[in-house]
PDB file of N, CA and C in Angstrom:
ATOM      1  N   MET A   1       0.822  -1.194   0.000  1.00  0.00           N
ATOM      2  CA  MET A   1       0.000   0.000   0.000  1.00  0.00           C
ATOM      3  C   MET A   1       0.865   1.255   0.000  1.00  0.00           C
ATOM      4  N   LYS A   2       2.156   1.070   0.150  1.00  0.00           N
ATOM      5  CA  LYS A   2       3.118   2.180   0.094  1.00  0.00           C
ATOM      6  C   LYS A   2       2.856   3.249   1.154  1.00  0.00           C
ATOM      7  N   VAL A   3       2.428   2.809   2.331  1.00  0.00           N
ATOM      8  CA  VAL A   3       2.253   3.704   3.466  1.00  0.00           C
ATOM      9  C   VAL A   3       3.525   3.611   4.295  1.00  0.00           C
ATOM     10  N   PRO A   4       4.204   4.737   4.545  1.00  0.00           N
ATOM     11  CA  PRO A   4       5.450   4.652   5.310  1.00  0.00           C
ATOM     12  C   PRO A   4       5.189   4.132   6.720  1.00  0.00           C
ATOM     13  N   ALA A   5       6.045   3.225   7.166  1.00  0.00           N
ATOM     14  CA  ALA A   5       5.902   2.655   8.500  1.00  0.00           C
ATOM     15  C   ALA A   5       7.267   2.541   9.154  1.00  0.00           C
ATOM     16  N   THR A   6       7.291   2.789  10.442  1.00  0.00           N
ATOM     17  CA  THR A   6       8.483   2.561  11.246  1.00  0.00           C
ATOM     18  C   THR A   6       8.112   1.503  12.269  1.00  0.00           C
ATOM     19  N   VAL A   7       8.887   0.430  12.302  1.00  0.00           N
ATOM     20  CA  VAL A   7       8.612  -0.681  13.201  1.00  0.00           C
ATOM     21  C   VAL A   7       9.740  -0.752  14.225  1.00  0.00           C
ATOM     22  N   PHE A   8       9.360  -0.731  15.488  1.00  0.00           N
ATOM     23  CA  PHE A   8      10.330  -0.822  16.574  1.00  0.00           C
ATOM     24  C   PHE A   8      10.405  -2.266  17.049  1.00  0.00           C
ATOM     25  N   VAL A   9      11.620  -2.796  17.086  1.00  0.00           N
ATOM     26  CA  VAL A   9      11.851  -4.162  17.549  1.00  0.00           C
ATOM     27  C   VAL A   9      12.932  -4.134  18.624  1.00  0.00           C
ATOM     28  N   PRO A  10      12.955  -5.136  19.492  1.00  0.00           N
ATOM     29  CA  PRO A  10      14.026  -5.211  20.486  1.00  0.00           C
ATOM     30  C   PRO A  10      15.280  -5.836  19.890  1.00  0.00           C
ATOM     31  N   GLU A  11      16.361  -5.731  20.624  1.00  0.00           N
ATOM     32  CA  GLU A  11      17.629  -6.323  20.185  1.00  0.00           C
ATOM     33  C   GLU A  11      17.483  -7.812  19.921  1.00  0.00           C
ATOM     34  N   LYS A  12      16.617  -8.486  20.694  1.00  0.00           N
ATOM     35  CA  LYS A  12      16.494  -9.932  20.560  1.00  0.00           C
ATOM     36  C   LYS A  12      15.664 -10.362  19.347  1.00  0.00           C
ATOM     37  N   ALA A  13      15.064  -9.430  18.622  1.00  0.00           N
ATOM     38  CA  ALA A  13      14.333  -9.798  17.403  1.00  0.00           C
ATOM     39  C   ALA A  13      15.335 -10.351  16.393  1.00  0.00           C
ATOM     40  N   ASN A  14      15.027 -11.506  15.838  1.00  0.00           N
ATOM     41  CA  ASN A  14      16.005 -12.131  14.952  1.00  0.00           C
ATOM     42  C   ASN A  14      16.176 -11.338  13.655  1.00  0.00           C
ATOM     43  N   GLN A  15      17.324 -11.535  13.057  1.00  0.00           N
ATOM     44  CA  GLN A  15      17.676 -10.774  11.861  1.00  0.00           C
ATOM     45  C   GLN A  15      16.741 -11.066  10.704  1.00  0.00           C
ATOM     46  N   ALA A  16      16.257 -12.299  10.600  1.00  0.00           N
ATOM     47  CA  ALA A  16      15.328 -12.637   9.516  1.00  0.00           C
ATOM     48  C   ALA A  16      14.068 -11.781   9.620  1.00  0.00           C
ATOM     49  N   ARG A  17      13.566 -11.573  10.837  1.00  0.00           N
ATOM     50  CA  ARG A  17      12.371 -10.728  11.037  1.00  0.00           C
ATOM     51  C   ARG A  17      12.680  -9.298  10.617  1.00  0.00           C
ATOM     52  N   ARG A  18      13.817  -8.795  11.052  1.00  0.00           N
ATOM     53  CA  ARG A  18      14.198  -7.415  10.700  1.00  0.00           C
ATOM     54  C   ARG A  18      14.311  -7.257   9.188  1.00  0.00           C
ATOM     55  N   ASP A  19      14.971  -8.222   8.554  1.00  0.00           N
ATOM     56  CA  ASP A  19      15.151  -8.161   7.101  1.00  0.00           C
ATOM     57  C   ASP A  19      13.817  -8.215   6.367  1.00  0.00           C
ATOM     58  N   ARG A  20      12.904  -9.069   6.842  1.00  0.00           N
ATOM     59  CA  ARG A  20      11.598  -9.196   6.197  1.00  0.00           C
ATOM     60  C   ARG A  20      10.815  -7.891   6.302  1.00  0.00           C
ATOM     61  N   LEU A  21      10.844  -7.281   7.478  1.00  0.00           N
ATOM     62  CA  LEU A  21      10.154  -5.994   7.648  1.00  0.00           C
ATOM     63  C   LEU A  21      10.731  -4.941   6.709  1.00  0.00           C
ATOM     64  N   ALA A  22      12.057  -4.923   6.588  1.00  0.00           N
ATOM     65  CA  ALA A  22      12.715  -3.953   5.702  1.00  0.00           C
ATOM     66  C   ALA A  22      12.352  -4.229   4.238  1.00  0.00           C
ATOM     67  N   ARG A  23      12.291  -5.502   3.845  1.00  0.00           N
ATOM     68  CA  ARG A  23      11.914  -5.835   2.466  1.00  0.00           C
ATOM     69  C   ARG A  23      10.487  -5.383   2.163  1.00  0.00           C
ATOM     70  N   TRP A  24       9.622  -5.409   3.162  1.00  0.00           N
ATOM     71  CA  TRP A  24       8.248  -4.949   2.978  1.00  0.00           C
ATOM     72  C   TRP A  24       8.169  -3.432   2.937  1.00  0.00           C
ATOM     73  N   GLY A  25       9.298  -2.751   3.199  1.00  0.00           N
ATOM     74  CA  GLY A  25       9.340  -1.306   3.071  1.00  0.00           C
ATOM     75  C   GLY A  25       9.345  -0.531   4.375  1.00  0.00           C
ATOM     76  N   ALA A  26       9.347  -1.231   5.502  1.00  0.00           N
ATOM     77  CA  ALA A  26       9.340  -0.544   6.796  1.00  0.00           C
ATOM     78  C   ALA A  26      10.740  -0.056   7.165  1.00  0.00           C
ATOM     79  N   THR A  27      10.773   1.036   7.893  1.00  0.00           N
ATOM     80  CA  THR A  27      12.007   1.456   8.544  1.00  0.00           C
ATOM     81  C   THR A  27      12.050   0.706   9.866  1.00  0.00           C
ATOM     82  N   VAL A  28      13.103  -0.061  10.086  1.00  0.00           N
ATOM     83  CA  VAL A  28      13.210  -0.883  11.292  1.00  0.00           C
ATOM     84  C   VAL A  28      14.149  -0.196  12.272  1.00  0.00           C
ATOM     85  N   VAL A  29      13.644   0.008  13.501  1.00  0.00           N
ATOM     86  CA  VAL A  29      14.423   0.653  14.550  1.00  0.00           C
ATOM     87  C   VAL A  29      14.560  -0.330  15.706  1.00  0.00           C
ATOM     88  N   VAL A  30      15.798  -0.578  16.122  1.00  0.00           N
ATOM     89  CA  VAL A  30      16.027  -1.410  17.303  1.00  0.00           C
ATOM     90  C   VAL A  30      15.859  -0.501  18.512  1.00  0.00           C
ATOM     91  N   GLY A  31      14.834  -0.813  19.326  1.00  0.00           N
ATOM     92  CA  GLY A  31      14.444   0.096  20.393  1.00  0.00           C
ATOM     93  C   GLY A  31      14.611  -0.459  21.784  1.00  0.00           C
ATOM     94  N   GLY A  32      15.714  -1.120  22.061  1.00  0.00           N
ATOM     95  CA  GLY A  32      15.954  -1.591  23.421  1.00  0.00           C
ATOM     96  C   GLY A  32      16.156  -3.088  23.514  1.00  0.00           C
ATOM     97  N   ARG A  33      16.303  -3.542  24.757  1.00  0.00           N
ATOM     98  CA  ARG A  33      16.641  -4.948  24.998  1.00  0.00           C
ATOM     99  C   ARG A  33      15.474  -5.910  24.814  1.00  0.00           C
ATOM    100  N   ASP A  34      14.265  -5.485  25.141  1.00  0.00           N
ATOM    101  CA  ASP A  34      13.121  -6.398  25.066  1.00  0.00           C
ATOM    102  C   ASP A  34      11.917  -5.679  24.452  1.00  0.00           C
ATOM    103  N   TRP A  35      10.794  -6.406  24.370  1.00  0.00           N
ATOM    104  CA  TRP A  35       9.614  -5.849  23.711  1.00  0.00           C
ATOM    105  C   TRP A  35       9.057  -4.645  24.456  1.00  0.00           C
ATOM    106  N   ASP A  36       9.165  -4.639  25.783  1.00  0.00           N
ATOM    107  CA  ASP A  36       8.695  -3.478  26.549  1.00  0.00           C
ATOM    108  C   ASP A  36       9.517  -2.235  26.217  1.00  0.00           C
ATOM    109  N   ASP A  37      10.830  -2.411  26.082  1.00  0.00           N
ATOM    110  CA  ASP A  37      11.692  -1.282  25.704  1.00  0.00           C
ATOM    111  C   ASP A  37      11.345  -0.768  24.309  1.00  0.00           C
ATOM    112  N   ALA A  38      11.124  -1.696  23.375  1.00  0.00           N
ATOM    113  CA  ALA A  38      10.795  -1.305  22.000  1.00  0.00           C
ATOM    114  C   ALA A  38       9.474  -0.544  21.970  1.00  0.00           C
ATOM    115  N   TYR A  39       8.509  -1.002  22.770  1.00  0.00           N
ATOM    116  CA  TYR A  39       7.219  -0.318  22.849  1.00  0.00           C
ATOM    117  C   TYR A  39       7.399   1.097  23.410  1.00  0.00           C
ATOM    118  N   ALA A  40       8.193   1.213  24.464  1.00  0.00           N
ATOM    119  CA  ALA A  40       8.438   2.532  25.068  1.00  0.00           C
ATOM    120  C   ALA A  40       9.120   3.458  24.061  1.00  0.00           C
ATOM    121  N   ALA A  41      10.076   2.935  23.297  1.00  0.00           N
ATOM    122  CA  ALA A  41      10.762   3.743  22.284  1.00  0.00           C
ATOM    123  C   ALA A  41       9.777   4.184  21.199  1.00  0.00           C
ATOM    124  N   ALA A  42       8.878   3.290  20.819  1.00  0.00           N
ATOM    125  CA  ALA A  42       7.875   3.637  19.808  1.00  0.00           C
ATOM    126  C   ALA A  42       6.955   4.738  20.324  1.00  0.00           C
ATOM    127  N   MET A  43       6.538   4.629  21.576  1.00  0.00           N
ATOM    128  CA  MET A  43       5.662   5.649  22.151  1.00  0.00           C
ATOM    129  C   MET A  43       6.364   7.005  22.228  1.00  0.00           C
ATOM    130  N   GLN A  44       7.643   7.007  22.576  1.00  0.00           N
ATOM    131  CA  GLN A  44       8.407   8.262  22.606  1.00  0.00           C
ATOM    132  C   GLN A  44       8.450   8.889  21.217  1.00  0.00           C
ATOM    133  N   GLU A  45       8.662   8.060  20.207  1.00  0.00           N
ATOM    134  CA  GLU A  45       8.711   8.558  18.826  1.00  0.00           C
ATOM    135  C   GLU A  45       7.355   9.152  18.426  1.00  0.00           C
ATOM    136  N   CYS A  46       6.275   8.494  18.816  1.00  0.00           N
ATOM    137  CA  CYS A  46       4.936   9.013  18.509  1.00  0.00           C
ATOM    138  C   CYS A  46       4.702  10.364  19.169  1.00  0.00           C
ATOM    139  N   GLU A  47       5.100  10.470  20.422  1.00  0.00           N
ATOM    140  CA  GLU A  47       4.930  11.740  21.137  1.00  0.00           C
ATOM    141  C   GLU A  47       5.760  12.845  20.494  1.00  0.00           C
ATOM    142  N   LYS A  48       6.961  12.499  20.054  1.00  0.00           N
ATOM    143  CA  LYS A  48       7.869  13.484  19.465  1.00  0.00           C
ATOM    144  C   LYS A  48       7.400  13.935  18.080  1.00  0.00           C
ATOM    145  N   THR A  49       6.905  12.990  17.274  1.00  0.00           N
ATOM    146  CA  THR A  49       6.579  13.305  15.880  1.00  0.00           C
ATOM    147  C   THR A  49       5.100  13.542  15.621  1.00  0.00           C
ATOM    148  N   GLY A  50       4.245  13.080  16.545  1.00  0.00           N
ATOM    149  CA  GLY A  50       2.808  13.185  16.321  1.00  0.00           C
ATOM    150  C   GLY A  50       2.256  12.104  15.411  1.00  0.00           C
ATOM    151  N   LYS A  51       3.093  11.153  15.011  1.00  0.00           N
ATOM    152  CA  LYS A  51       2.622  10.051  14.167  1.00  0.00           C
ATOM    153  C   LYS A  51       1.767   9.111  15.008  1.00  0.00           C
ATOM    154  N   PRO A  52       0.794   8.456  14.379  1.00  0.00           N
ATOM    155  CA  PRO A  52      -0.064   7.542  15.134  1.00  0.00           C
ATOM    156  C   PRO A  52       0.668   6.243  15.482  1.00  0.00           C
ATOM    157  N   MET A  53       0.271   5.661  16.595  1.00  0.00           N
ATOM    158  CA  MET A  53       0.803   4.359  17.013  1.00  0.00           C
ATOM    159  C   MET A  53      -0.206   3.295  16.624  1.00  0.00           C
ATOM    160  N   VAL A  54       0.241   2.308  15.907  1.00  0.00           N
ATOM    161  CA  VAL A  54      -0.602   1.160  15.596  1.00  0.00           C
ATOM    162  C   VAL A  54       0.024  -0.022  16.310  1.00  0.00           C
ATOM    163  N   HIS A  55      -0.609  -0.418  17.403  1.00  0.00           N
ATOM    164  CA  HIS A  55      -0.096  -1.520  18.210  1.00  0.00           C
ATOM    165  C   HIS A  55      -0.196  -2.809  17.398  1.00  0.00           C
ATOM    166  N   PRO A  56       0.772  -3.708  17.530  1.00  0.00           N
ATOM    167  CA  PRO A  56       0.762  -4.912  16.694  1.00  0.00           C
ATOM    168  C   PRO A  56      -0.395  -5.857  16.960  1.00  0.00           C
ATOM    169  N   PHE A  57      -1.040  -5.757  18.130  1.00  0.00           N
ATOM    170  CA  PHE A  57      -2.183  -6.634  18.375  1.00  0.00           C
ATOM    171  C   PHE A  57      -3.256  -6.003  19.256  1.00  0.00           C
ATOM    172  N   ASN A  58      -2.945  -4.986  20.012  1.00  0.00           N
ATOM    173  CA  ASN A  58      -3.918  -4.398  20.923  1.00  0.00           C
ATOM    174  C   ASN A  58      -4.477  -3.097  20.334  1.00  0.00           C
ATOM    175  N   ASP A  59      -5.106  -3.223  19.176  1.00  0.00           N
ATOM    176  CA  ASP A  59      -5.667  -2.085  18.461  1.00  0.00           C
ATOM    177  C   ASP A  59      -6.971  -2.549  17.830  1.00  0.00           C
ATOM    178  N   GLU A  60      -8.045  -1.814  18.030  1.00  0.00           N
ATOM    179  CA  GLU A  60      -9.350  -2.290  17.561  1.00  0.00           C
ATOM    180  C   GLU A  60      -9.392  -2.539  16.056  1.00  0.00           C
ATOM    181  N   TYR A  61      -8.673  -1.756  15.269  1.00  0.00           N
ATOM    182  CA  TYR A  61      -8.685  -1.972  13.825  1.00  0.00           C
ATOM    183  C   TYR A  61      -7.857  -3.200  13.442  1.00  0.00           C
ATOM    184  N   VAL A  62      -6.752  -3.405  14.140  1.00  0.00           N
ATOM    185  CA  VAL A  62      -5.945  -4.603  13.884  1.00  0.00           C
ATOM    186  C   VAL A  62      -6.747  -5.836  14.275  1.00  0.00           C
ATOM    187  N   ILE A  63      -7.386  -5.781  15.435  1.00  0.00           N
ATOM    188  CA  ILE A  63      -8.198  -6.911  15.884  1.00  0.00           C
ATOM    189  C   ILE A  63      -9.317  -7.188  14.887  1.00  0.00           C
ATOM    190  N   ALA A  64     -10.003  -6.155  14.437  1.00  0.00           N
ATOM    191  CA  ALA A  64     -11.092  -6.333  13.472  1.00  0.00           C
ATOM    192  C   ALA A  64     -10.581  -6.957  12.182  1.00  0.00           C
ATOM    193  N   GLY A  65      -9.401  -6.600  11.768  1.00  0.00           N
ATOM    194  CA  GLY A  65      -8.835  -7.138  10.537  1.00  0.00           C
ATOM    195  C   GLY A  65      -8.407  -8.587  10.653  1.00  0.00           C
ATOM    196  N   GLN A  66      -8.294  -9.117  11.864  1.00  0.00           N
ATOM    197  CA  GLN A  66      -7.868 -10.498  12.062  1.00  0.00           C
ATOM    198  C   GLN A  66      -9.045 -11.467  12.107  1.00  0.00           C
ATOM    199  N   GLY A  67     -10.250 -10.937  12.194  1.00  0.00           N
ATOM    200  CA  GLY A  67     -11.421 -11.811  12.258  1.00  0.00           C
ATOM    201  C   GLY A  67     -11.761 -12.399  10.916  1.00  0.00           C
ATOM    202  N   PRO A  68     -12.606 -13.430  10.926  1.00  0.00           N
ATOM    203  CA  PRO A  68     -13.006 -14.039   9.645  1.00  0.00           C
ATOM    204  C   PRO A  68     -13.860 -13.064   8.836  1.00  0.00           C
ATOM    205  N   GLN A  69     -13.743 -13.161   7.553  1.00  0.00           N
ATOM    206  CA  GLN A  69     -14.554 -12.339   6.669  1.00  0.00           C
ATOM    207  C   GLN A  69     -15.950 -12.950   6.595  1.00  0.00           C
ATOM    208  N   ARG A  70     -16.908 -12.129   6.310  1.00  0.00           N
ATOM    209  CA  ARG A  70     -18.288 -12.597   6.193  1.00  0.00           C
ATOM    210  C   ARG A  70     -18.375 -13.732   5.187  1.00  0.00           C
ATOM    211  N   GLY A  71     -19.034 -14.795   5.580  1.00  0.00           N
ATOM    212  CA  GLY A  71     -19.212 -15.919   4.665  1.00  0.00           C
ATOM    213  C   GLY A  71     -18.068 -16.918   4.680  1.00  0.00           C
ATOM    214  N   SER A  72     -17.024 -16.662   5.495  1.00  0.00           N
ATOM    215  CA  SER A  72     -15.925 -17.627   5.549  1.00  0.00           C
ATOM    216  C   SER A  72     -16.068 -18.498   6.785  1.00  0.00           C
ATOM    217  N   CYS A  73     -15.379 -19.598   6.795  1.00  0.00           N
ATOM    218  CA  CYS A  73     -15.463 -20.530   7.930  1.00  0.00           C
ATOM    219  C   CYS A  73     -14.448 -20.194   8.998  1.00  0.00           C
TER     220      CYS A  73
END
């Protein structure tokens, strides 16, 4: 969709994941030692830039997009 995205990952995120995100066009930022640190770094970036935060799973639109489509099993 060519929407710019910045994805924050922790140091422990494997390189294959980082590379895949970059191939999909995301800017990948290593934001700390663990997922909590990466989340905190992402929130700081949102506050600084005013960009919206789209949580990887705790977001009503993300959750809605994971449900089955009408008429599917």
